[in-house]
């Protein structure tokens, strides 16, 4: 189950940004798009597998969120199962996962830099996308893989009203907590990076701190004045300072209790005089 590589990965380049339809939970205010029939219904169980094992393997082959990250892919529009998202991001994802408006869904896929879609939805919504592969090794509903032509770059300049600027943004470094970018723009605009704007992100332009704002998709957005600039985005988990302080105080409490506990192990025995000892011995002698 851990070593097996899903067949779909042969058709999706590593480090691609993908959207996978998630049917694991219902939303509070709207119904998510679902396949025909029960969600995640298995068509067959391989010989030698129990049902839960086959379901786990099927979910891995389907790249069900968040398993795709194991294979080098970036997830997008993933439903907030653990209720961790900021409110703007949560609302945006719920609107996307429940929408049947084809034009809106396609526009947000491109703005979200999504390059591939994996879904068991009925094909009507996705009919405008090129179909790469269809398979049904486990689930009753066929799994379809689509490509998304014209998806926007993960880092780009946008106008104030959300239109894509032609000038490219060069990515110098992009890893989990640090992004270094460089670009030249002819007019004042905004740098947009298709990563969720979570608490903890900080930004500088040419070494000067700048505020981070949300885009309509709750992505990271910072001001970009005209000219050539270097952008640095860094992420520090929120409240890490408080967490370190609480951990330090807890350690001090444990050490204090340990030292006090050791001091209580030695029980002092009062010294007896020879006269007292001899008197006690006489009382015990028959």
C-alpha atoms as a PDB file:
ATOM      1  CA  UNK A   1       0.000   0.000   0.000  1.00  0.00           C
ATOM      2  CA  UNK A   2       2.887   2.392   0.721  1.00  0.00           C
ATOM      3  CA  UNK A   3       5.224   1.477  -2.136  1.00  0.00           C
ATOM      4  CA  UNK A   4       2.704   1.148  -4.952  1.00  0.00           C
ATOM      5  CA  UNK A   5       2.671   4.001  -7.473  1.00  0.00           C
ATOM      6  CA  UNK A   6      -0.720   4.904  -8.995  1.00  0.00           C
ATOM      7  CA  UNK A   7      -0.978   4.314 -12.761  1.00  0.00           C
ATOM      8  CA  UNK A   8      -2.235   7.906 -13.246  1.00  0.00           C
ATOM      9  CA  UNK A   9       1.210   9.224 -12.260  1.00  0.00           C
ATOM     10  CA  UNK A  10       2.528   7.977 -15.606  1.00  0.00           C
ATOM     11  CA  UNK A  11       0.435  10.715 -17.273  1.00  0.00           C
ATOM     12  CA  UNK A  12       0.975  13.588 -14.792  1.00  0.00           C
ATOM     13  CA  UNK A  13       4.445  15.194 -14.624  1.00  0.00           C
ATOM     14  CA  UNK A  14       5.994  15.556 -11.197  1.00  0.00           C
ATOM     15  CA  UNK A  15       5.384  18.874  -9.390  1.00  0.00           C
ATOM     16  CA  UNK A  16       2.190  19.482 -11.356  1.00  0.00           C
ATOM     17  CA  UNK A  17      -0.670  21.266  -9.649  1.00  0.00           C
ATOM     18  CA  UNK A  18      -3.756  19.059  -9.682  1.00  0.00           C
ATOM     19  CA  UNK A  19      -7.355  19.205  -8.537  1.00  0.00           C
ATOM     20  CA  UNK A  20      -8.902  15.920  -7.348  1.00  0.00           C
ATOM     21  CA  UNK A  21     -12.641  15.766  -6.617  1.00  0.00           C
ATOM     22  CA  UNK A  22     -13.069  14.874  -2.947  1.00  0.00           C
ATOM     23  CA  UNK A  23     -16.271  13.092  -1.901  1.00  0.00           C
ATOM     24  CA  UNK A  24     -15.271  12.375   1.704  1.00  0.00           C
ATOM     25  CA  UNK A  25     -17.510  14.954   3.374  1.00  0.00           C
ATOM     26  CA  UNK A  26     -20.505  17.197   2.813  1.00  0.00           C
ATOM     27  CA  UNK A  27     -20.352  20.962   3.135  1.00  0.00           C
ATOM     28  CA  UNK A  28     -22.349  23.048   5.584  1.00  0.00           C
ATOM     29  CA  UNK A  29     -24.265  25.209   3.130  1.00  0.00           C
ATOM     30  CA  UNK A  30     -24.128  23.447  -0.234  1.00  0.00           C
ATOM     31  CA  UNK A  31     -23.926  19.974  -1.769  1.00  0.00           C
ATOM     32  CA  UNK A  32     -20.634  18.991  -3.364  1.00  0.00           C
ATOM     33  CA  UNK A  33     -20.517  17.571  -6.865  1.00  0.00           C
ATOM     34  CA  UNK A  34     -20.744  13.772  -6.660  1.00  0.00           C
ATOM     35  CA  UNK A  35     -20.452  10.800  -9.037  1.00  0.00           C
ATOM     36  CA  UNK A  36     -23.380   8.684 -10.126  1.00  0.00           C
ATOM     37  CA  UNK A  37     -24.130   6.185  -7.352  1.00  0.00           C
ATOM     38  CA  UNK A  38     -22.700   5.990  -3.818  1.00  0.00           C
ATOM     39  CA  UNK A  39     -19.454   7.844  -3.168  1.00  0.00           C
ATOM     40  CA  UNK A  40     -16.323   5.648  -3.388  1.00  0.00           C
ATOM     41  CA  UNK A  41     -18.337   2.527  -4.203  1.00  0.00           C
ATOM     42  CA  UNK A  42     -15.956  -0.293  -5.149  1.00  0.00           C
ATOM     43  CA  UNK A  43     -16.680  -2.251  -8.316  1.00  0.00           C
ATOM     44  CA  UNK A  44     -14.364  -5.077  -7.315  1.00  0.00           C
ATOM     45  CA  UNK A  45     -11.987  -6.193  -4.577  1.00  0.00           C
ATOM     46  CA  UNK A  46      -8.748  -7.837  -5.776  1.00  0.00           C
ATOM     47  CA  UNK A  47      -8.133 -11.440  -4.773  1.00  0.00           C
ATOM     48  CA  UNK A  48      -6.304 -11.608  -1.453  1.00  0.00           C
ATOM     49  CA  UNK A  49      -7.490  -8.169  -0.285  1.00  0.00           C
ATOM     50  CA  UNK A  50     -10.028  -7.361   2.368  1.00  0.00           C
ATOM     51  CA  UNK A  51     -12.515  -4.580   1.608  1.00  0.00           C
ATOM     52  CA  UNK A  52     -10.812  -1.848   3.732  1.00  0.00           C
ATOM     53  CA  UNK A  53      -7.445  -2.692   2.168  1.00  0.00           C
ATOM     54  CA  UNK A  54      -8.878  -2.468  -1.340  1.00  0.00           C
ATOM     55  CA  UNK A  55     -10.556   0.848  -0.508  1.00  0.00           C
ATOM     56  CA  UNK A  56      -7.261   2.272   0.806  1.00  0.00           C
ATOM     57  CA  UNK A  57      -5.429   1.187  -2.349  1.00  0.00           C
ATOM     58  CA  UNK A  58      -8.204   2.541  -4.568  1.00  0.00           C
ATOM     59  CA  UNK A  59      -8.073   5.933  -2.808  1.00  0.00           C
ATOM     60  CA  UNK A  60      -4.295   6.043  -3.299  1.00  0.00           C
ATOM     61  CA  UNK A  61      -4.595   5.200  -6.986  1.00  0.00           C
ATOM     62  CA  UNK A  62      -7.256   7.897  -7.294  1.00  0.00           C
ATOM     63  CA  UNK A  63      -4.831  10.424  -5.686  1.00  0.00           C
ATOM     64  CA  UNK A  64      -7.537  11.326  -3.186  1.00  0.00           C
ATOM     65  CA  UNK A  65      -6.472  14.387  -1.129  1.00  0.00           C
ATOM     66  CA  UNK A  66      -4.015  14.610   0.508  1.00  0.00           C
ATOM     67  CA  UNK A  67      -2.304  11.459  -0.857  1.00  0.00           C
ATOM     68  CA  UNK A  68      -1.122  13.189  -4.067  1.00  0.00           C
ATOM     69  CA  UNK A  69       1.586  15.030  -2.136  1.00  0.00           C
ATOM     70  CA  UNK A  70       3.408  11.733  -1.605  1.00  0.00           C
ATOM     71  CA  UNK A  71       4.013  11.520  -5.344  1.00  0.00           C
ATOM     72  CA  UNK A  72       5.327  15.064  -5.804  1.00  0.00           C
ATOM     73  CA  UNK A  73       2.109  16.880  -6.756  1.00  0.00           C
ATOM     74  CA  UNK A  74       0.604  20.099  -5.414  1.00  0.00           C
ATOM     75  CA  UNK A  75      -3.036  19.879  -4.398  1.00  0.00           C
ATOM     76  CA  UNK A  76      -5.515  22.658  -5.070  1.00  0.00           C
ATOM     77  CA  UNK A  77      -9.056  23.517  -3.968  1.00  0.00           C
ATOM     78  CA  UNK A  78      -8.849  20.751  -1.346  1.00  0.00           C
ATOM     79  CA  UNK A  79     -11.788  20.688   1.059  1.00  0.00           C
ATOM     80  CA  UNK A  80     -10.942  21.742   4.620  1.00  0.00           C
ATOM     81  CA  UNK A  81     -11.489  18.408   6.392  1.00  0.00           C
ATOM     82  CA  UNK A  82      -9.853  19.503   9.680  1.00  0.00           C
ATOM     83  CA  UNK A  83     -11.342  23.032   9.785  1.00  0.00           C
ATOM     84  CA  UNK A  84      -7.913  24.695   9.673  1.00  0.00           C
ATOM     85  CA  UNK A  85      -8.468  27.169   6.814  1.00  0.00           C
ATOM     86  CA  UNK A  86      -8.906  30.882   7.218  1.00  0.00           C
ATOM     87  CA  UNK A  87     -12.471  31.944   6.568  1.00  0.00           C
ATOM     88  CA  UNK A  88     -11.864  33.497   3.073  1.00  0.00           C
ATOM     89  CA  UNK A  89     -10.071  30.363   1.882  1.00  0.00           C
ATOM     90  CA  UNK A  90     -12.684  28.051   3.352  1.00  0.00           C
ATOM     91  CA  UNK A  91     -15.570  29.882   1.662  1.00  0.00           C
ATOM     92  CA  UNK A  92     -13.784  30.015  -1.675  1.00  0.00           C
ATOM     93  CA  UNK A  93     -13.038  26.264  -1.666  1.00  0.00           C
ATOM     94  CA  UNK A  94     -16.617  25.404  -0.684  1.00  0.00           C
ATOM     95  CA  UNK A  95     -18.003  27.579  -3.484  1.00  0.00           C
ATOM     96  CA  UNK A  96     -15.699  25.875  -5.978  1.00  0.00           C
ATOM     97  CA  UNK A  97     -16.449  22.307  -4.798  1.00  0.00           C
ATOM     98  CA  UNK A  98     -20.210  22.843  -4.988  1.00  0.00           C
ATOM     99  CA  UNK A  99     -20.468  24.935  -8.177  1.00  0.00           C
ATOM    100  CA  UNK A 100     -22.111  23.549 -11.331  1.00  0.00           C
ATOM    101  CA  UNK A 101     -21.259  26.700 -13.295  1.00  0.00           C
ATOM    102  CA  UNK A 102     -18.858  25.436 -15.948  1.00  0.00           C
ATOM    103  CA  UNK A 103     -17.499  28.864 -16.916  1.00  0.00           C
ATOM    104  CA  UNK A 104     -16.754  29.782 -13.291  1.00  0.00           C
ATOM    105  CA  UNK A 105     -15.101  26.440 -12.528  1.00  0.00           C
ATOM    106  CA  UNK A 106     -12.863  26.633 -15.626  1.00  0.00           C
ATOM    107  CA  UNK A 107     -11.872  30.223 -14.873  1.00  0.00           C
ATOM    108  CA  UNK A 108     -10.913  29.399 -11.289  1.00  0.00           C
ATOM    109  CA  UNK A 109      -8.946  26.325 -12.370  1.00  0.00           C
ATOM    110  CA  UNK A 110      -6.831  28.493 -14.688  1.00  0.00           C
ATOM    111  CA  UNK A 111      -6.391  31.260 -12.111  1.00  0.00           C
ATOM    112  CA  UNK A 112      -5.496  28.580  -9.568  1.00  0.00           C
ATOM    113  CA  UNK A 113      -2.638  27.368 -11.810  1.00  0.00           C
ATOM    114  CA  UNK A 114      -4.254  23.909 -11.956  1.00  0.00           C
ATOM    115  CA  UNK A 115      -2.799  21.787 -14.756  1.00  0.00           C
ATOM    116  CA  UNK A 116      -4.716  18.498 -14.320  1.00  0.00           C
ATOM    117  CA  UNK A 117      -8.082  17.375 -12.967  1.00  0.00           C
ATOM    118  CA  UNK A 118      -8.813  13.910 -11.552  1.00  0.00           C
ATOM    119  CA  UNK A 119     -12.508  13.250 -10.988  1.00  0.00           C
ATOM    120  CA  UNK A 120     -15.347  10.746 -10.868  1.00  0.00           C
ATOM    121  CA  UNK A 121     -17.930  13.458 -11.545  1.00  0.00           C
ATOM    122  CA  UNK A 122     -20.285  12.954 -14.499  1.00  0.00           C
ATOM    123  CA  UNK A 123     -18.432  14.273 -17.561  1.00  0.00           C
ATOM    124  CA  UNK A 124     -20.851  17.120 -18.354  1.00  0.00           C
ATOM    125  CA  UNK A 125     -19.053  19.775 -16.294  1.00  0.00           C
ATOM    126  CA  UNK A 126     -15.622  18.792 -17.608  1.00  0.00           C
ATOM    127  CA  UNK A 127     -16.531  18.318 -21.273  1.00  0.00           C
ATOM    128  CA  UNK A 128     -14.582  21.422 -22.377  1.00  0.00           C
ATOM    129  CA  UNK A 129     -11.295  19.964 -21.065  1.00  0.00           C
ATOM    130  CA  UNK A 130      -9.142  17.516 -23.056  1.00  0.00           C
ATOM    131  CA  UNK A 131      -9.583  13.980 -21.708  1.00  0.00           C
ATOM    132  CA  UNK A 132      -6.225  12.261 -21.202  1.00  0.00           C
ATOM    133  CA  UNK A 133      -7.245   8.957 -19.655  1.00  0.00           C
ATOM    134  CA  UNK A 134     -10.239   7.061 -18.301  1.00  0.00           C
ATOM    135  CA  UNK A 135      -9.893   3.996 -16.076  1.00  0.00           C
ATOM    136  CA  UNK A 136     -11.971   1.919 -13.640  1.00  0.00           C
ATOM    137  CA  UNK A 137      -9.691  -0.532 -11.820  1.00  0.00           C
ATOM    138  CA  UNK A 138     -11.502  -0.308  -8.481  1.00  0.00           C
ATOM    139  CA  UNK A 139     -14.365   2.164  -8.252  1.00  0.00           C
ATOM    140  CA  UNK A 140     -17.764   1.649  -9.842  1.00  0.00           C
ATOM    141  CA  UNK A 141     -17.616   5.182 -11.285  1.00  0.00           C
ATOM    142  CA  UNK A 142     -14.890   5.656 -13.925  1.00  0.00           C
ATOM    143  CA  UNK A 143     -11.941   7.862 -12.974  1.00  0.00           C
ATOM    144  CA  UNK A 144     -11.140  10.504 -15.575  1.00  0.00           C
ATOM    145  CA  UNK A 145      -7.957  12.535 -15.988  1.00  0.00           C
ATOM    146  CA  UNK A 146      -8.227  15.896 -17.800  1.00  0.00           C
ATOM    147  CA  UNK A 147      -5.650  18.538 -18.667  1.00  0.00           C
ATOM    148  CA  UNK A 148      -6.311  22.256 -18.167  1.00  0.00           C
ATOM    149  CA  UNK A 149      -5.039  24.329 -21.119  1.00  0.00           C
ATOM    150  CA  UNK A 150      -4.027  27.924 -20.472  1.00  0.00           C
ATOM    151  CA  UNK A 151      -3.566  27.684 -16.698  1.00  0.00           C
ATOM    152  CA  UNK A 152      -1.920  30.814 -15.286  1.00  0.00           C
ATOM    153  CA  UNK A 153       1.667  30.729 -13.940  1.00  0.00           C
ATOM    154  CA  UNK A 154       2.062  30.028 -10.240  1.00  0.00           C
ATOM    155  CA  UNK A 155       3.787  33.387  -9.848  1.00  0.00           C
ATOM    156  CA  UNK A 156       2.659  36.304 -12.014  1.00  0.00           C
ATOM    157  CA  UNK A 157       1.794  39.981 -12.143  1.00  0.00           C
ATOM    158  CA  UNK A 158      -1.875  40.906 -12.112  1.00  0.00           C
ATOM    159  CA  UNK A 159      -3.654  44.214 -12.546  1.00  0.00           C
ATOM    160  CA  UNK A 160      -5.741  45.644  -9.716  1.00  0.00           C
ATOM    161  CA  UNK A 161      -8.903  44.201 -11.301  1.00  0.00           C
ATOM    162  CA  UNK A 162      -7.400  40.699 -11.615  1.00  0.00           C
ATOM    163  CA  UNK A 163      -6.212  40.537 -15.229  1.00  0.00           C
ATOM    164  CA  UNK A 164      -2.989  38.713 -16.098  1.00  0.00           C
ATOM    165  CA  UNK A 165      -0.032  40.952 -16.979  1.00  0.00           C
ATOM    166  CA  UNK A 166       2.275  39.804 -19.830  1.00  0.00           C
ATOM    167  CA  UNK A 167       5.561  40.294 -17.959  1.00  0.00           C
ATOM    168  CA  UNK A 168       6.900  36.994 -16.547  1.00  0.00           C
ATOM    169  CA  UNK A 169       7.972  36.433 -12.944  1.00  0.00           C
ATOM    170  CA  UNK A 170      11.143  34.386 -12.481  1.00  0.00           C
ATOM    171  CA  UNK A 171      11.139  31.899  -9.616  1.00  0.00           C
ATOM    172  CA  UNK A 172      14.567  31.787  -7.994  1.00  0.00           C
ATOM    173  CA  UNK A 173      13.550  29.485  -5.141  1.00  0.00           C
ATOM    174  CA  UNK A 174      10.238  27.933  -4.145  1.00  0.00           C
ATOM    175  CA  UNK A 175      10.043  25.527  -1.253  1.00  0.00           C
ATOM    176  CA  UNK A 176       7.681  25.050   1.653  1.00  0.00           C
ATOM    177  CA  UNK A 177       8.544  28.091   3.759  1.00  0.00           C
ATOM    178  CA  UNK A 178      10.644  30.314   1.444  1.00  0.00           C
ATOM    179  CA  UNK A 179       9.902  31.769  -1.990  1.00  0.00           C
ATOM    180  CA  UNK A 180      12.331  34.058  -3.826  1.00  0.00           C
ATOM    181  CA  UNK A 181      11.074  35.690  -6.998  1.00  0.00           C
ATOM    182  CA  UNK A 182      12.213  38.367  -9.412  1.00  0.00           C
ATOM    183  CA  UNK A 183      10.398  40.293 -12.099  1.00  0.00           C
ATOM    184  CA  UNK A 184      10.096  43.507 -14.088  1.00  0.00           C
ATOM    185  CA  UNK A 185       6.769  45.194 -14.720  1.00  0.00           C
ATOM    186  CA  UNK A 186       6.028  48.284 -16.763  1.00  0.00           C
ATOM    187  CA  UNK A 187       3.272  49.620 -14.523  1.00  0.00           C
ATOM    188  CA  UNK A 188       2.122  49.340 -10.944  1.00  0.00           C
ATOM    189  CA  UNK A 189       0.456  45.986 -10.354  1.00  0.00           C
ATOM    190  CA  UNK A 190       0.483  43.134  -7.866  1.00  0.00           C
ATOM    191  CA  UNK A 191       2.585  40.009  -7.548  1.00  0.00           C
ATOM    192  CA  UNK A 192       0.298  36.995  -7.070  1.00  0.00           C
ATOM    193  CA  UNK A 193       1.518  33.558  -6.004  1.00  0.00           C
ATOM    194  CA  UNK A 194      -0.924  30.667  -6.191  1.00  0.00           C
ATOM    195  CA  UNK A 195      -0.378  29.574  -2.593  1.00  0.00           C
ATOM    196  CA  UNK A 196      -2.995  29.959   0.115  1.00  0.00           C
ATOM    197  CA  UNK A 197      -2.537  33.154   2.125  1.00  0.00           C
ATOM    198  CA  UNK A 198      -2.301  31.569   5.556  1.00  0.00           C
ATOM    199  CA  UNK A 199      -1.381  33.287   8.803  1.00  0.00           C
ATOM    200  CA  UNK A 200       2.383  33.329   9.138  1.00  0.00           C
ATOM    201  CA  UNK A 201       3.403  34.529   5.665  1.00  0.00           C
ATOM    202  CA  UNK A 202       5.658  37.607   5.531  1.00  0.00           C
ATOM    203  CA  UNK A 203       6.757  39.522   2.420  1.00  0.00           C
ATOM    204  CA  UNK A 204       9.487  41.949   1.418  1.00  0.00           C
ATOM    205  CA  UNK A 205      10.059  43.828  -1.839  1.00  0.00           C
ATOM    206  CA  UNK A 206      13.720  44.767  -2.352  1.00  0.00           C
ATOM    207  CA  UNK A 207      14.286  44.098   1.344  1.00  0.00           C
ATOM    208  CA  UNK A 208      11.439  46.315   2.582  1.00  0.00           C
ATOM    209  CA  UNK A 209       8.499  44.758   4.412  1.00  0.00           C
ATOM    210  CA  UNK A 210       5.152  45.004   2.583  1.00  0.00           C
ATOM    211  CA  UNK A 211       1.631  43.879   3.548  1.00  0.00           C
ATOM    212  CA  UNK A 212       0.120  40.693   2.109  1.00  0.00           C
ATOM    213  CA  UNK A 213      -3.456  40.762   0.859  1.00  0.00           C
ATOM    214  CA  UNK A 214      -5.938  38.172  -0.400  1.00  0.00           C
ATOM    215  CA  UNK A 215      -6.929  37.693  -4.007  1.00  0.00           C
ATOM    216  CA  UNK A 216     -10.475  36.470  -4.798  1.00  0.00           C
ATOM    217  CA  UNK A 217      -9.013  32.942  -4.558  1.00  0.00           C
ATOM    218  CA  UNK A 218      -7.384  33.761  -1.188  1.00  0.00           C
ATOM    219  CA  UNK A 219      -3.894  33.576  -2.728  1.00  0.00           C
ATOM    220  CA  UNK A 220      -0.833  35.569  -1.630  1.00  0.00           C
ATOM    221  CA  UNK A 221      -0.745  39.030  -3.183  1.00  0.00           C
ATOM    222  CA  UNK A 222       1.789  41.835  -2.609  1.00  0.00           C
ATOM    223  CA  UNK A 223       2.186  45.270  -4.238  1.00  0.00           C
ATOM    224  CA  UNK A 224       4.576  45.490  -7.193  1.00  0.00           C
ATOM    225  CA  UNK A 225       5.608  49.035  -8.167  1.00  0.00           C
ATOM    226  CA  UNK A 226       6.955  49.639 -11.700  1.00  0.00           C
ATOM    227  CA  UNK A 227      10.504  48.432 -12.358  1.00  0.00           C
ATOM    228  CA  UNK A 228      12.628  45.407 -11.555  1.00  0.00           C
ATOM    229  CA  UNK A 229      12.209  43.995  -8.067  1.00  0.00           C
ATOM    230  CA  UNK A 230      13.178  41.087  -5.854  1.00  0.00           C
ATOM    231  CA  UNK A 231      10.403  39.516  -3.788  1.00  0.00           C
ATOM    232  CA  UNK A 232      10.919  37.353  -0.714  1.00  0.00           C
ATOM    233  CA  UNK A 233       8.106  35.415   0.920  1.00  0.00           C
ATOM    234  CA  UNK A 234       8.762  33.529   4.157  1.00  0.00           C
ATOM    235  CA  UNK A 235       6.476  31.472   6.340  1.00  0.00           C
ATOM    236  CA  UNK A 236       6.681  31.048  10.100  1.00  0.00           C
ATOM    237  CA  UNK A 237       3.978  28.987  11.854  1.00  0.00           C
ATOM    238  CA  UNK A 238       1.694  31.283  13.867  1.00  0.00           C
ATOM    239  CA  UNK A 239       2.186  31.370  17.636  1.00  0.00           C
ATOM    240  CA  UNK A 240       5.499  29.483  17.395  1.00  0.00           C
ATOM    241  CA  UNK A 241       6.972  31.901  19.959  1.00  0.00           C
ATOM    242  CA  UNK A 242       4.194  31.189  22.445  1.00  0.00           C
ATOM    243  CA  UNK A 243       4.582  27.478  21.788  1.00  0.00           C
ATOM    244  CA  UNK A 244       8.304  27.601  22.510  1.00  0.00           C
ATOM    245  CA  UNK A 245       7.710  29.584  25.728  1.00  0.00           C
ATOM    246  CA  UNK A 246       5.039  27.158  26.948  1.00  0.00           C
ATOM    247  CA  UNK A 247       7.316  24.207  26.155  1.00  0.00           C
ATOM    248  CA  UNK A 248      10.188  25.824  28.092  1.00  0.00           C
ATOM    249  CA  UNK A 249       7.995  26.527  31.133  1.00  0.00           C
ATOM    250  CA  UNK A 250       6.649  22.970  31.048  1.00  0.00           C
ATOM    251  CA  UNK A 251      10.220  21.642  30.977  1.00  0.00           C
ATOM    252  CA  UNK A 252      11.141  23.781  33.977  1.00  0.00           C
ATOM    253  CA  UNK A 253       8.141  22.427  35.909  1.00  0.00           C
ATOM    254  CA  UNK A 254       9.159  18.833  35.100  1.00  0.00           C
ATOM    255  CA  UNK A 255      12.763  19.453  36.208  1.00  0.00           C
ATOM    256  CA  UNK A 256      11.600  21.121  39.444  1.00  0.00           C
ATOM    257  CA  UNK A 257       9.266  18.233  40.278  1.00  0.00           C
ATOM    258  CA  UNK A 258      12.031  15.745  39.482  1.00  0.00           C
ATOM    259  CA  UNK A 259      14.480  17.461  41.834  1.00  0.00           C
ATOM    260  CA  UNK A 260      11.903  17.665  44.596  1.00  0.00           C
ATOM    261  CA  UNK A 261      11.070  14.017  44.120  1.00  0.00           C
ATOM    262  CA  UNK A 262      14.708  12.988  44.462  1.00  0.00           C
ATOM    263  CA  UNK A 263      15.123  14.941  47.700  1.00  0.00           C
ATOM    264  CA  UNK A 264      12.192  13.048  49.234  1.00  0.00           C
ATOM    265  CA  UNK A 265      13.773   9.667  48.517  1.00  0.00           C
ATOM    266  CA  UNK A 266      16.297   9.994  51.457  1.00  0.00           C
ATOM    267  CA  UNK A 267      14.454   9.421  54.744  1.00  0.00           C
ATOM    268  CA  UNK A 268      16.556  10.581  57.746  1.00  0.00           C
ATOM    269  CA  UNK A 269      16.953   7.953  60.529  1.00  0.00           C
ATOM    270  CA  UNK A 270      17.359   9.392  64.056  1.00  0.00           C
ATOM    271  CA  UNK A 271      20.575   8.404  65.850  1.00  0.00           C
ATOM    272  CA  UNK A 272      20.133   6.354  69.020  1.00  0.00           C
ATOM    273  CA  UNK A 273      22.393   6.538  72.011  1.00  0.00           C
ATOM    274  CA  UNK A 274      24.095   3.422  73.353  1.00  0.00           C
ATOM    275  CA  UNK A 275      22.010   3.574  76.541  1.00  0.00           C
ATOM    276  CA  UNK A 276      18.742   3.609  74.554  1.00  0.00           C
ATOM    277  CA  UNK A 277      19.893   0.704  72.404  1.00  0.00           C
ATOM    278  CA  UNK A 278      20.874  -1.429  75.421  1.00  0.00           C
ATOM    279  CA  UNK A 279      17.526  -0.740  77.113  1.00  0.00           C
ATOM    280  CA  UNK A 280      15.695  -1.861  74.036  1.00  0.00           C
ATOM    281  CA  UNK A 281      17.763  -5.044  73.846  1.00  0.00           C
ATOM    282  CA  UNK A 282      16.966  -5.890  77.500  1.00  0.00           C
ATOM    283  CA  UNK A 283      13.235  -5.566  76.832  1.00  0.00           C
ATOM    284  CA  UNK A 284      13.488  -8.018  73.931  1.00  0.00           C
ATOM    285  CA  UNK A 285      15.581 -10.572  75.854  1.00  0.00           C
ATOM    286  CA  UNK A 286      13.384 -13.289  77.465  1.00  0.00           C
END
